Amino acid sequence: MKIGILSTGIVERTISSKLVELGRNMKIGSRTTKNEKAVDWFSSNGPNATHSTSEEAGAFGDNFFK
């Protein structure tokens, strides 16, 4: 399952890390691809973790919930 998260806050990073640990493919999004929090999260979570802009993260997920 692919999940996109549209923020880089502590709650979003914590949940995303746990979901990566459970085998999900995660993409965390921010305003820019150079967001330090997103880059640090990406660097410490292995191959199922990626980061991008929020727009790309939203398009990445299997489903979109409003």
PDB file of N, CA and C in Angstrom:
ATOM      1  N   MET A   1       0.829  -1.172   0.000  1.00  0.00           N
ATOM      2  CA  MET A   1       0.000   0.000   0.000  1.00  0.00           C
ATOM      3  C   MET A   1       0.883   1.249   0.000  1.00  0.00           C
ATOM      4  N   LYS A   2       0.537   2.215  -0.839  1.00  0.00           N
ATOM      5  CA  LYS A   2       1.268   3.476  -0.914  1.00  0.00           C
ATOM      6  C   LYS A   2       0.453   4.560  -0.213  1.00  0.00           C
ATOM      7  N   ILE A   3       1.132   5.316   0.670  1.00  0.00           N
ATOM      8  CA  ILE A   3       0.463   6.366   1.426  1.00  0.00           C
ATOM      9  C   ILE A   3       1.267   7.651   1.312  1.00  0.00           C
ATOM     10  N   GLY A   4       0.585   8.737   0.998  1.00  0.00           N
ATOM     11  CA  GLY A   4       1.205  10.056   0.949  1.00  0.00           C
ATOM     12  C   GLY A   4       0.740  10.896   2.121  1.00  0.00           C
ATOM     13  N   ILE A   5       1.658  11.557   2.784  1.00  0.00           N
ATOM     14  CA  ILE A   5       1.362  12.430   3.923  1.00  0.00           C
ATOM     15  C   ILE A   5       1.697  13.858   3.516  1.00  0.00           C
ATOM     16  N   LEU A   6       0.798  14.805   3.803  1.00  0.00           N
ATOM     17  CA  LEU A   6       0.955  16.169   3.322  1.00  0.00           C
ATOM     18  C   LEU A   6       1.504  17.138   4.361  1.00  0.00           C
ATOM     19  N   SER A   7       2.372  16.678   5.217  1.00  0.00           N
ATOM     20  CA  SER A   7       2.960  17.546   6.233  1.00  0.00           C
ATOM     21  C   SER A   7       4.201  16.873   6.809  1.00  0.00           C
ATOM     22  N   THR A   8       5.068  17.668   7.437  1.00  0.00           N
ATOM     23  CA  THR A   8       6.295  17.117   8.009  1.00  0.00           C
ATOM     24  C   THR A   8       6.372  17.342   9.517  1.00  0.00           C
ATOM     25  N   GLY A   9       5.221  17.524  10.152  1.00  0.00           N
ATOM     26  CA  GLY A   9       5.187  17.712  11.600  1.00  0.00           C
ATOM     27  C   GLY A   9       5.594  16.450  12.346  1.00  0.00           C
ATOM     28  N   ILE A  10       5.776  16.573  13.647  1.00  0.00           N
ATOM     29  CA  ILE A  10       6.227  15.436  14.461  1.00  0.00           C
ATOM     30  C   ILE A  10       5.218  14.292  14.428  1.00  0.00           C
ATOM     31  N   VAL A  11       3.934  14.599  14.456  1.00  0.00           N
ATOM     32  CA  VAL A  11       2.911  13.536  14.417  1.00  0.00           C
ATOM     33  C   VAL A  11       2.979  12.801  13.078  1.00  0.00           C
ATOM     34  N   GLU A  12       3.037  13.546  11.990  1.00  0.00           N
ATOM     35  CA  GLU A  12       3.092  12.940  10.658  1.00  0.00           C
ATOM     36  C   GLU A  12       4.355  12.099  10.476  1.00  0.00           C
ATOM     37  N   ARG A  13       5.491  12.591  10.945  1.00  0.00           N
ATOM     38  CA  ARG A  13       6.738  11.828  10.821  1.00  0.00           C
ATOM     39  C   ARG A  13       6.709  10.570  11.676  1.00  0.00           C
ATOM     40  N   THR A  14       6.138  10.656  12.868  1.00  0.00           N
ATOM     41  CA  THR A  14       6.061   9.496  13.756  1.00  0.00           C
ATOM     42  C   THR A  14       5.159   8.417  13.166  1.00  0.00           C
ATOM     43  N   ILE A  15       3.985   8.817  12.699  1.00  0.00           N
ATOM     44  CA  ILE A  15       3.057   7.854  12.088  1.00  0.00           C
ATOM     45  C   ILE A  15       3.670   7.250  10.827  1.00  0.00           C
ATOM     46  N   SER A  16       4.285   8.087  10.002  1.00  0.00           N
ATOM     47  CA  SER A  16       4.900   7.605   8.768  1.00  0.00           C
ATOM     48  C   SER A  16       6.019   6.612   9.048  1.00  0.00           C
ATOM     49  N   SER A  17       6.823   6.880  10.060  1.00  0.00           N
ATOM     50  CA  SER A  17       7.912   5.958  10.424  1.00  0.00           C
ATOM     51  C   SER A  17       7.364   4.597  10.834  1.00  0.00           C
ATOM     52  N   LYS A  18       6.290   4.597  11.611  1.00  0.00           N
ATOM     53  CA  LYS A  18       5.690   3.333  12.042  1.00  0.00           C
ATOM     54  C   LYS A  18       5.109   2.580  10.847  1.00  0.00           C
ATOM     55  N   LEU A  19       4.464   3.301   9.927  1.00  0.00           N
ATOM     56  CA  LEU A  19       3.905   2.647   8.745  1.00  0.00           C
ATOM     57  C   LEU A  19       4.997   2.073   7.846  1.00  0.00           C
ATOM     58  N   VAL A  20       6.136   2.751   7.724  1.00  0.00           N
ATOM     59  CA  VAL A  20       7.273   2.204   6.972  1.00  0.00           C
ATOM     60  C   VAL A  20       7.751   0.927   7.654  1.00  0.00           C
ATOM     61  N   GLU A  21       7.826   0.971   8.967  1.00  0.00           N
ATOM     62  CA  GLU A  21       8.242  -0.197   9.747  1.00  0.00           C
ATOM     63  C   GLU A  21       7.303  -1.393   9.493  1.00  0.00           C
ATOM     64  N   LEU A  22       6.032  -1.101   9.247  1.00  0.00           N
ATOM     65  CA  LEU A  22       5.040  -2.148   8.986  1.00  0.00           C
ATOM     66  C   LEU A  22       4.984  -2.564   7.519  1.00  0.00           C
ATOM     67  N   GLY A  23       5.874  -1.996   6.697  1.00  0.00           N
ATOM     68  CA  GLY A  23       5.979  -2.420   5.309  1.00  0.00           C
ATOM     69  C   GLY A  23       5.252  -1.562   4.286  1.00  0.00           C
ATOM     70  N   ARG A  24       4.720  -0.427   4.699  1.00  0.00           N
ATOM     71  CA  ARG A  24       4.030   0.463   3.762  1.00  0.00           C
ATOM     72  C   ARG A  24       5.032   1.336   3.022  1.00  0.00           C
ATOM     73  N   ASN A  25       4.692   1.735   1.813  1.00  0.00           N
ATOM     74  CA  ASN A  25       5.492   2.694   1.051  1.00  0.00           C
ATOM     75  C   ASN A  25       4.961   4.081   1.364  1.00  0.00           C
ATOM     76  N   MET A  26       5.809   4.920   1.927  1.00  0.00           N
ATOM     77  CA  MET A  26       5.385   6.236   2.391  1.00  0.00           C
ATOM     78  C   MET A  26       6.106   7.345   1.625  1.00  0.00           C
ATOM     79  N   LYS A  27       5.363   8.399   1.328  1.00  0.00           N
ATOM     80  CA  LYS A  27       5.958   9.616   0.766  1.00  0.00           C
ATOM     81  C   LYS A  27       5.426  10.768   1.610  1.00  0.00           C
ATOM     82  N   ILE A  28       6.347  11.511   2.195  1.00  0.00           N
ATOM     83  CA  ILE A  28       5.983  12.645   3.027  1.00  0.00           C
ATOM     84  C   ILE A  28       6.232  13.919   2.212  1.00  0.00           C
ATOM     85  N   GLY A  29       5.268  14.824   2.218  1.00  0.00           N
ATOM     86  CA  GLY A  29       5.362  16.012   1.385  1.00  0.00           C
ATOM     87  C   GLY A  29       5.456  17.301   2.175  1.00  0.00           C
ATOM     88  N   SER A  30       6.132  18.263   1.599  1.00  0.00           N
ATOM     89  CA  SER A  30       6.246  19.601   2.183  1.00  0.00           C
ATOM     90  C   SER A  30       6.224  20.619   1.047  1.00  0.00           C
ATOM     91  N   ARG A  31       6.361  21.887   1.377  1.00  0.00           N
ATOM     92  CA  ARG A  31       6.319  22.924   0.339  1.00  0.00           C
ATOM     93  C   ARG A  31       7.446  22.774  -0.680  1.00  0.00           C
ATOM     94  N   THR A  32       8.618  22.349  -0.210  1.00  0.00           N
ATOM     95  CA  THR A  32       9.752  22.167  -1.105  1.00  0.00           C
ATOM     96  C   THR A  32      10.402  20.805  -0.846  1.00  0.00           C
ATOM     97  N   THR A  33      11.178  20.350  -1.797  1.00  0.00           N
ATOM     98  CA  THR A  33      11.871  19.071  -1.619  1.00  0.00           C
ATOM     99  C   THR A  33      13.115  19.211  -0.747  1.00  0.00           C
ATOM    100  N   LYS A  34      13.451  20.431  -0.357  1.00  0.00           N
ATOM    101  CA  LYS A  34      14.636  20.662   0.478  1.00  0.00           C
ATOM    102  C   LYS A  34      14.288  20.869   1.951  1.00  0.00           C
ATOM    103  N   ASN A  35      13.063  20.548   2.345  1.00  0.00           N
ATOM    104  CA  ASN A  35      12.628  20.683   3.728  1.00  0.00           C
ATOM    105  C   ASN A  35      13.499  19.787   4.616  1.00  0.00           C
ATOM    106  N   GLU A  36      14.150  20.389   5.611  1.00  0.00           N
ATOM    107  CA  GLU A  36      15.097  19.643   6.457  1.00  0.00           C
ATOM    108  C   GLU A  36      14.444  18.487   7.208  1.00  0.00           C
ATOM    109  N   LYS A  37      13.236  18.703   7.725  1.00  0.00           N
ATOM    110  CA  LYS A  37      12.551  17.641   8.465  1.00  0.00           C
ATOM    111  C   LYS A  37      12.254  16.453   7.554  1.00  0.00           C
ATOM    112  N   ALA A  38      11.812  16.741   6.328  1.00  0.00           N
ATOM    113  CA  ALA A  38      11.505  15.660   5.377  1.00  0.00           C
ATOM    114  C   ALA A  38      12.771  14.920   4.969  1.00  0.00           C
ATOM    115  N   VAL A  39      13.838  15.641   4.726  1.00  0.00           N
ATOM    116  CA  VAL A  39      15.106  15.021   4.327  1.00  0.00           C
ATOM    117  C   VAL A  39      15.638  14.143   5.459  1.00  0.00           C
ATOM    118  N   ASP A  40      15.594  14.626   6.697  1.00  0.00           N
ATOM    119  CA  ASP A  40      16.053  13.833   7.841  1.00  0.00           C
ATOM    120  C   ASP A  40      15.204  12.571   8.014  1.00  0.00           C
ATOM    121  N   TRP A  41      13.886  12.720   7.879  1.00  0.00           N
ATOM    122  CA  TRP A  41      12.989  11.568   8.008  1.00  0.00           C
ATOM    123  C   TRP A  41      13.297  10.537   6.934  1.00  0.00           C
ATOM    124  N   PHE A  42      13.427  10.992   5.702  1.00  0.00           N
ATOM    125  CA  PHE A  42      13.743  10.131   4.568  1.00  0.00           C
ATOM    126  C   PHE A  42      15.052   9.379   4.804  1.00  0.00           C
ATOM    127  N   SER A  43      16.056  10.083   5.272  1.00  0.00           N
ATOM    128  CA  SER A  43      17.386   9.497   5.474  1.00  0.00           C
ATOM    129  C   SER A  43      17.401   8.392   6.523  1.00  0.00           C
ATOM    130  N   SER A  44      16.476   8.447   7.474  1.00  0.00           N
ATOM    131  CA  SER A  44      16.519   7.483   8.572  1.00  0.00           C
ATOM    132  C   SER A  44      15.465   6.378   8.480  1.00  0.00           C
ATOM    133  N   ASN A  45      14.750   6.269   7.339  1.00  0.00           N
ATOM    134  CA  ASN A  45      13.662   5.293   7.279  1.00  0.00           C
ATOM    135  C   ASN A  45      13.735   4.271   6.157  1.00  0.00           C
ATOM    136  N   GLY A  46      14.815   4.189   5.448  1.00  0.00           N
ATOM    137  CA  GLY A  46      15.005   3.111   4.482  1.00  0.00           C
ATOM    138  C   GLY A  46      14.321   3.301   3.134  1.00  0.00           C
ATOM    139  N   PRO A  47      14.341   2.250   2.316  1.00  0.00           N
ATOM    140  CA  PRO A  47      13.906   2.352   0.918  1.00  0.00           C
ATOM    141  C   PRO A  47      12.407   2.552   0.712  1.00  0.00           C
ATOM    142  N   ASN A  48      11.566   2.273   1.705  1.00  0.00           N
ATOM    143  CA  ASN A  48      10.122   2.488   1.552  1.00  0.00           C
ATOM    144  C   ASN A  48       9.704   3.904   1.921  1.00  0.00           C
ATOM    145  N   ALA A  49      10.662   4.756   2.256  1.00  0.00           N
ATOM    146  CA  ALA A  49      10.373   6.131   2.644  1.00  0.00           C
ATOM    147  C   ALA A  49      10.937   7.093   1.607  1.00  0.00           C
ATOM    148  N   THR A  50      10.095   7.992   1.124  1.00  0.00           N
ATOM    149  CA  THR A  50      10.536   9.024   0.190  1.00  0.00           C
ATOM    150  C   THR A  50       9.933  10.356   0.611  1.00  0.00           C
ATOM    151  N   HIS A  51      10.452  11.426   0.028  1.00  0.00           N
ATOM    152  CA  HIS A  51       9.885  12.744   0.300  1.00  0.00           C
ATOM    153  C   HIS A  51       9.789  13.534  -0.997  1.00  0.00           C
ATOM    154  N   SER A  52       8.884  14.498  -1.006  1.00  0.00           N
ATOM    155  CA  SER A  52       8.642  15.298  -2.205  1.00  0.00           C
ATOM    156  C   SER A  52       7.829  16.524  -1.810  1.00  0.00           C
ATOM    157  N   THR A  53       7.249  17.173  -2.803  1.00  0.00           N
ATOM    158  CA  THR A  53       6.323  18.265  -2.511  1.00  0.00           C
ATOM    159  C   THR A  53       4.999  17.661  -2.038  1.00  0.00           C
ATOM    160  N   SER A  54       4.184  18.477  -1.391  1.00  0.00           N
ATOM    161  CA  SER A  54       2.878  18.004  -0.919  1.00  0.00           C
ATOM    162  C   SER A  54       2.004  17.543  -2.078  1.00  0.00           C
ATOM    163  N   GLU A  55       2.069  18.248  -3.191  1.00  0.00           N
ATOM    164  CA  GLU A  55       1.279  17.866  -4.370  1.00  0.00           C
ATOM    165  C   GLU A  55       1.649  16.466  -4.842  1.00  0.00           C
ATOM    166  N   GLU A  56       2.950  16.178  -4.927  1.00  0.00           N
ATOM    167  CA  GLU A  56       3.407  14.858  -5.362  1.00  0.00           C
ATOM    168  C   GLU A  56       3.051  13.782  -4.339  1.00  0.00           C
ATOM    169  N   ALA A  57       3.149  14.115  -3.053  1.00  0.00           N
ATOM    170  CA  ALA A  57       2.811  13.147  -1.999  1.00  0.00           C
ATOM    171  C   ALA A  57       1.330  12.799  -2.056  1.00  0.00           C
ATOM    172  N   GLY A  58       0.490  13.788  -2.316  1.00  0.00           N
ATOM    173  CA  GLY A  58      -0.938  13.528  -2.436  1.00  0.00           C
ATOM    174  C   GLY A  58      -1.272  12.622  -3.604  1.00  0.00           C
ATOM    175  N   ALA A  59      -0.578  12.805  -4.709  1.00  0.00           N
ATOM    176  CA  ALA A  59      -0.806  11.977  -5.896  1.00  0.00           C
ATOM    177  C   ALA A  59      -0.220  10.576  -5.728  1.00  0.00           C
ATOM    178  N   PHE A  60       0.727  10.398  -4.834  1.00  0.00           N
ATOM    179  CA  PHE A  60       1.428   9.138  -4.625  1.00  0.00           C
ATOM    180  C   PHE A  60       0.533   8.063  -4.010  1.00  0.00           C
ATOM    181  N   GLY A  61      -0.309   8.449  -3.085  1.00  0.00           N
ATOM    182  CA  GLY A  61      -1.094   7.485  -2.332  1.00  0.00           C
ATOM    183  C   GLY A  61      -2.098   6.702  -3.155  1.00  0.00           C
ATOM    184  N   ASP A  62      -2.429   5.500  -2.689  1.00  0.00           N
ATOM    185  CA  ASP A  62      -3.431   4.656  -3.350  1.00  0.00           C
ATOM    186  C   ASP A  62      -4.823   5.272  -3.264  1.00  0.00           C
ATOM    187  N   ASN A  63      -5.119   5.944  -2.169  1.00  0.00           N
ATOM    188  CA  ASN A  63      -6.422   6.575  -1.948  1.00  0.00           C
ATOM    189  C   ASN A  63      -6.230   7.989  -1.452  1.00  0.00           C
ATOM    190  N   PHE A  64      -7.243   8.804  -1.647  1.00  0.00           N
ATOM    191  CA  PHE A  64      -7.204  10.166  -1.140  1.00  0.00           C
ATOM    192  C   PHE A  64      -8.439  10.392  -0.296  1.00  0.00           C
ATOM    193  N   PHE A  65      -8.248  10.825   0.939  1.00  0.00           N
ATOM    194  CA  PHE A  65      -9.369  11.075   1.841  1.00  0.00           C
ATOM    195  C   PHE A  65      -9.478  12.569   2.092  1.00  0.00           C
ATOM    196  N   LYS A  66     -10.691  13.087   2.020  1.00  0.00           N
ATOM    197  CA  LYS A  66     -10.922  14.510   2.302  1.00  0.00           C
ATOM    198  C   LYS A  66     -11.456  14.670   3.703  1.00  0.00           C
TER     199      LYS A  66
END
